Amino acid sequence: MLDLPLGSGELAGVVAFYSLIHLQAEERSSAYEEFARVLRPGGLVLAAFHTGQEVRHLDSWLDRPVSLDFFALRPEEVAAGLTAAGFAVEATLTRGPYPGEADTERAYVLARRLG
């Protein structure tokens, strides 16, 4: 997300499902700028993420040792970051967990690249 192997304006859309949650706070603006770079004007980005302000750490996942942090994000901060990178936020939706999912609220932000 921070250095996509694509040309400028090459894509019509970017889908970032539960990937921003693995970036440090200081890296997120670079990801939003990279999304804007690879999207043509009018292109869409759809981001899905867990909401909140907590950090969850896993030492094991799918029966394998890992060291993995999950950063819950605030929808208004994601929207502000996308706006600063040259997007217009068109929709923000939230939902609770489905049965069998981690007990967190999720958000979906849809934004269109300006210019």
C-alpha atoms as a PDB file:
ATOM      1  CA  MET A   1       0.000   0.000   0.000  1.00  0.00           C
ATOM      2  CA  LEU A   2       2.931   2.328   0.545  1.00  0.00           C
ATOM      3  CA  ASP A   3       4.670   1.701  -2.796  1.00  0.00           C
ATOM      4  CA  LEU A   4       2.292   0.032  -5.243  1.00  0.00           C
ATOM      5  CA  PRO A   5       3.927  -1.393  -8.396  1.00  0.00           C
ATOM      6  CA  LEU A   6       1.536   0.524 -10.662  1.00  0.00           C
ATOM      7  CA  GLY A   7       1.644   3.588 -12.857  1.00  0.00           C
ATOM      8  CA  SER A   8      -0.013   6.854 -11.946  1.00  0.00           C
ATOM      9  CA  GLY A   9      -3.714   6.895 -12.812  1.00  0.00           C
ATOM     10  CA  GLU A  10      -3.624   3.229 -13.819  1.00  0.00           C
ATOM     11  CA  LEU A  11      -6.620   2.054 -11.777  1.00  0.00           C
ATOM     12  CA  ALA A  12     -10.322   2.845 -11.633  1.00  0.00           C
ATOM     13  CA  GLY A  13     -10.675   1.489  -8.092  1.00  0.00           C
ATOM     14  CA  VAL A  14      -8.818   0.390  -4.980  1.00  0.00           C
ATOM     15  CA  VAL A  15     -10.246  -1.948  -2.354  1.00  0.00           C
ATOM     16  CA  ALA A  16      -8.499  -1.939   1.022  1.00  0.00           C
ATOM     17  CA  PHE A  17     -10.353  -4.509   3.110  1.00  0.00           C
ATOM     18  CA  TYR A  18      -8.919  -4.819   6.618  1.00  0.00           C
ATOM     19  CA  SER A  19      -5.428  -3.863   5.460  1.00  0.00           C
ATOM     20  CA  LEU A  20      -5.128  -0.313   6.826  1.00  0.00           C
ATOM     21  CA  ILE A  21      -5.449  -1.817  10.310  1.00  0.00           C
ATOM     22  CA  HIS A  22      -1.892  -3.150   9.987  1.00  0.00           C
ATOM     23  CA  LEU A  23      -0.281   0.231   9.301  1.00  0.00           C
ATOM     24  CA  GLN A  24       1.206   2.447  11.965  1.00  0.00           C
ATOM     25  CA  ALA A  25      -0.550   5.808  12.337  1.00  0.00           C
ATOM     26  CA  GLU A  26       2.313   7.660  10.656  1.00  0.00           C
ATOM     27  CA  GLU A  27       2.120   5.361   7.597  1.00  0.00           C
ATOM     28  CA  ARG A  28      -1.565   5.799   6.818  1.00  0.00           C
ATOM     29  CA  SER A  29      -1.303   9.172   5.079  1.00  0.00           C
ATOM     30  CA  SER A  30       1.319   7.671   2.751  1.00  0.00           C
ATOM     31  CA  ALA A  31      -1.078   4.850   1.898  1.00  0.00           C
ATOM     32  CA  TYR A  32      -3.881   7.311   1.134  1.00  0.00           C
ATOM     33  CA  GLU A  33      -1.531   9.331  -1.087  1.00  0.00           C
ATOM     34  CA  GLU A  34      -0.457   6.154  -2.869  1.00  0.00           C
ATOM     35  CA  PHE A  35      -4.100   5.231  -3.474  1.00  0.00           C
ATOM     36  CA  ALA A  36      -4.604   8.682  -5.013  1.00  0.00           C
ATOM     37  CA  ARG A  37      -1.509   8.295  -7.187  1.00  0.00           C
ATOM     38  CA  VAL A  38      -2.587   4.998  -8.771  1.00  0.00           C
ATOM     39  CA  LEU A  39      -6.226   6.034  -9.223  1.00  0.00           C
ATOM     40  CA  ARG A  40      -7.411   8.008 -12.228  1.00  0.00           C
ATOM     41  CA  PRO A  41      -9.533  11.105 -11.507  1.00  0.00           C
ATOM     42  CA  GLY A  42     -12.977   9.945 -10.427  1.00  0.00           C
ATOM     43  CA  GLY A  43     -11.581   6.576  -9.296  1.00  0.00           C
ATOM     44  CA  LEU A  44     -12.944   5.034  -6.122  1.00  0.00           C
ATOM     45  CA  VAL A  45     -11.346   3.709  -2.983  1.00  0.00           C
ATOM     46  CA  LEU A  46     -13.304   1.472  -0.613  1.00  0.00           C
ATOM     47  CA  ALA A  47     -11.728   0.917   2.787  1.00  0.00           C
ATOM     48  CA  ALA A  48     -13.034  -1.505   5.414  1.00  0.00           C
ATOM     49  CA  PHE A  49     -11.643  -1.627   8.932  1.00  0.00           C
ATOM     50  CA  HIS A  50     -12.376  -2.330  12.591  1.00  0.00           C
ATOM     51  CA  THR A  51     -13.420   0.817  14.435  1.00  0.00           C
ATOM     52  CA  GLY A  52     -12.196   2.216  17.723  1.00  0.00           C
ATOM     53  CA  GLN A  53      -8.871   3.228  19.208  1.00  0.00           C
ATOM     54  CA  GLU A  54      -7.504  -0.024  20.565  1.00  0.00           C
ATOM     55  CA  VAL A  55      -4.591  -2.153  19.440  1.00  0.00           C
ATOM     56  CA  ARG A  56      -4.971  -5.920  19.487  1.00  0.00           C
ATOM     57  CA  HIS A  57      -1.859  -8.075  19.388  1.00  0.00           C
ATOM     58  CA  LEU A  58      -1.733 -11.722  18.379  1.00  0.00           C
ATOM     59  CA  ASP A  59       1.091 -14.129  19.151  1.00  0.00           C
ATOM     60  CA  SER A  60      -0.682 -17.029  17.433  1.00  0.00           C
ATOM     61  CA  TRP A  61      -3.055 -17.163  14.471  1.00  0.00           C
ATOM     62  CA  LEU A  62      -4.395 -20.201  12.642  1.00  0.00           C
ATOM     63  CA  ASP A  63      -2.253 -22.420  14.854  1.00  0.00           C
ATOM     64  CA  ARG A  64       0.956 -20.640  13.829  1.00  0.00           C
ATOM     65  CA  PRO A  65       3.182 -18.274  15.819  1.00  0.00           C
ATOM     66  CA  VAL A  66       2.914 -14.656  14.671  1.00  0.00           C
ATOM     67  CA  SER A  67       3.588 -11.180  15.958  1.00  0.00           C
ATOM     68  CA  LEU A  68       0.724  -9.189  14.523  1.00  0.00           C
ATOM     69  CA  ASP A  69      -0.879  -5.924  15.603  1.00  0.00           C
ATOM     70  CA  PHE A  70      -4.365  -4.820  14.573  1.00  0.00           C
ATOM     71  CA  PHE A  71      -5.083  -1.092  14.954  1.00  0.00           C
ATOM     72  CA  ALA A  72      -8.747  -0.152  15.270  1.00  0.00           C
ATOM     73  CA  LEU A  73      -9.390   3.107  13.415  1.00  0.00           C
ATOM     74  CA  ARG A  74     -11.856   5.939  13.825  1.00  0.00           C
ATOM     75  CA  PRO A  75     -13.978   6.449  10.683  1.00  0.00           C
ATOM     76  CA  GLU A  76     -13.651  10.230  10.882  1.00  0.00           C
ATOM     77  CA  GLU A  77      -9.846   9.934  10.938  1.00  0.00           C
ATOM     78  CA  VAL A  78      -9.818   7.662   7.874  1.00  0.00           C
ATOM     79  CA  ALA A  79     -12.189  10.072   6.100  1.00  0.00           C
ATOM     80  CA  ALA A  80      -9.971  13.040   7.028  1.00  0.00           C
ATOM     81  CA  GLY A  81      -6.867  11.233   5.790  1.00  0.00           C
ATOM     82  CA  LEU A  82      -8.495  10.399   2.473  1.00  0.00           C
ATOM     83  CA  THR A  83      -9.761  13.970   2.123  1.00  0.00           C
ATOM     84  CA  ALA A  84      -6.254  15.328   2.741  1.00  0.00           C
ATOM     85  CA  ALA A  85      -4.941  12.988   0.004  1.00  0.00           C
ATOM     86  CA  GLY A  86      -7.375  14.403  -2.558  1.00  0.00           C
ATOM     87  CA  PHE A  87     -10.516  12.338  -2.141  1.00  0.00           C
ATOM     88  CA  ALA A  88     -14.135  13.282  -1.567  1.00  0.00           C
ATOM     89  CA  VAL A  89     -15.792  10.904   0.889  1.00  0.00           C
ATOM     90  CA  GLU A  90     -19.102   9.735  -0.558  1.00  0.00           C
ATOM     91  CA  ALA A  91     -20.303   7.323   2.117  1.00  0.00           C
ATOM     92  CA  THR A  92     -19.403   5.940   5.519  1.00  0.00           C
ATOM     93  CA  LEU A  93     -21.224   2.909   6.897  1.00  0.00           C
ATOM     94  CA  THR A  94     -20.776   1.023  10.151  1.00  0.00           C
ATOM     95  CA  ARG A  95     -22.014  -2.338  11.355  1.00  0.00           C
ATOM     96  CA  GLY A  96     -21.691  -4.661  14.301  1.00  0.00           C
ATOM     97  CA  PRO A  97     -20.078  -8.091  14.084  1.00  0.00           C
ATOM     98  CA  TYR A  98     -21.744 -10.986  12.339  1.00  0.00           C
ATOM     99  CA  PRO A  99     -22.007 -14.268  14.280  1.00  0.00           C
ATOM    100  CA  GLY A 100     -18.594 -15.884  14.508  1.00  0.00           C
ATOM    101  CA  GLU A 101     -16.660 -12.651  13.878  1.00  0.00           C
ATOM    102  CA  ALA A 102     -14.457 -10.802  16.345  1.00  0.00           C
ATOM    103  CA  ASP A 103     -16.588  -8.650  18.636  1.00  0.00           C
ATOM    104  CA  THR A 104     -15.787  -5.293  17.025  1.00  0.00           C
ATOM    105  CA  GLU A 105     -17.687  -2.724  15.017  1.00  0.00           C
ATOM    106  CA  ARG A 106     -16.651  -2.358  11.376  1.00  0.00           C
ATOM    107  CA  ALA A 107     -16.655   0.662   9.098  1.00  0.00           C
ATOM    108  CA  TYR A 108     -16.683   1.056   5.333  1.00  0.00           C
ATOM    109  CA  VAL A 109     -15.566   4.324   3.743  1.00  0.00           C
ATOM    110  CA  LEU A 110     -16.145   4.997   0.049  1.00  0.00           C
ATOM    111  CA  ALA A 111     -14.258   7.940  -1.457  1.00  0.00           C
ATOM    112  CA  ARG A 112     -13.756   9.317  -4.970  1.00  0.00           C
ATOM    113  CA  ARG A 113     -10.485  10.790  -6.220  1.00  0.00           C
ATOM    114  CA  LEU A 114     -10.856  14.436  -7.147  1.00  0.00           C
ATOM    115  CA  GLY A 115      -9.262  16.153 -10.110  1.00  0.00           C
END
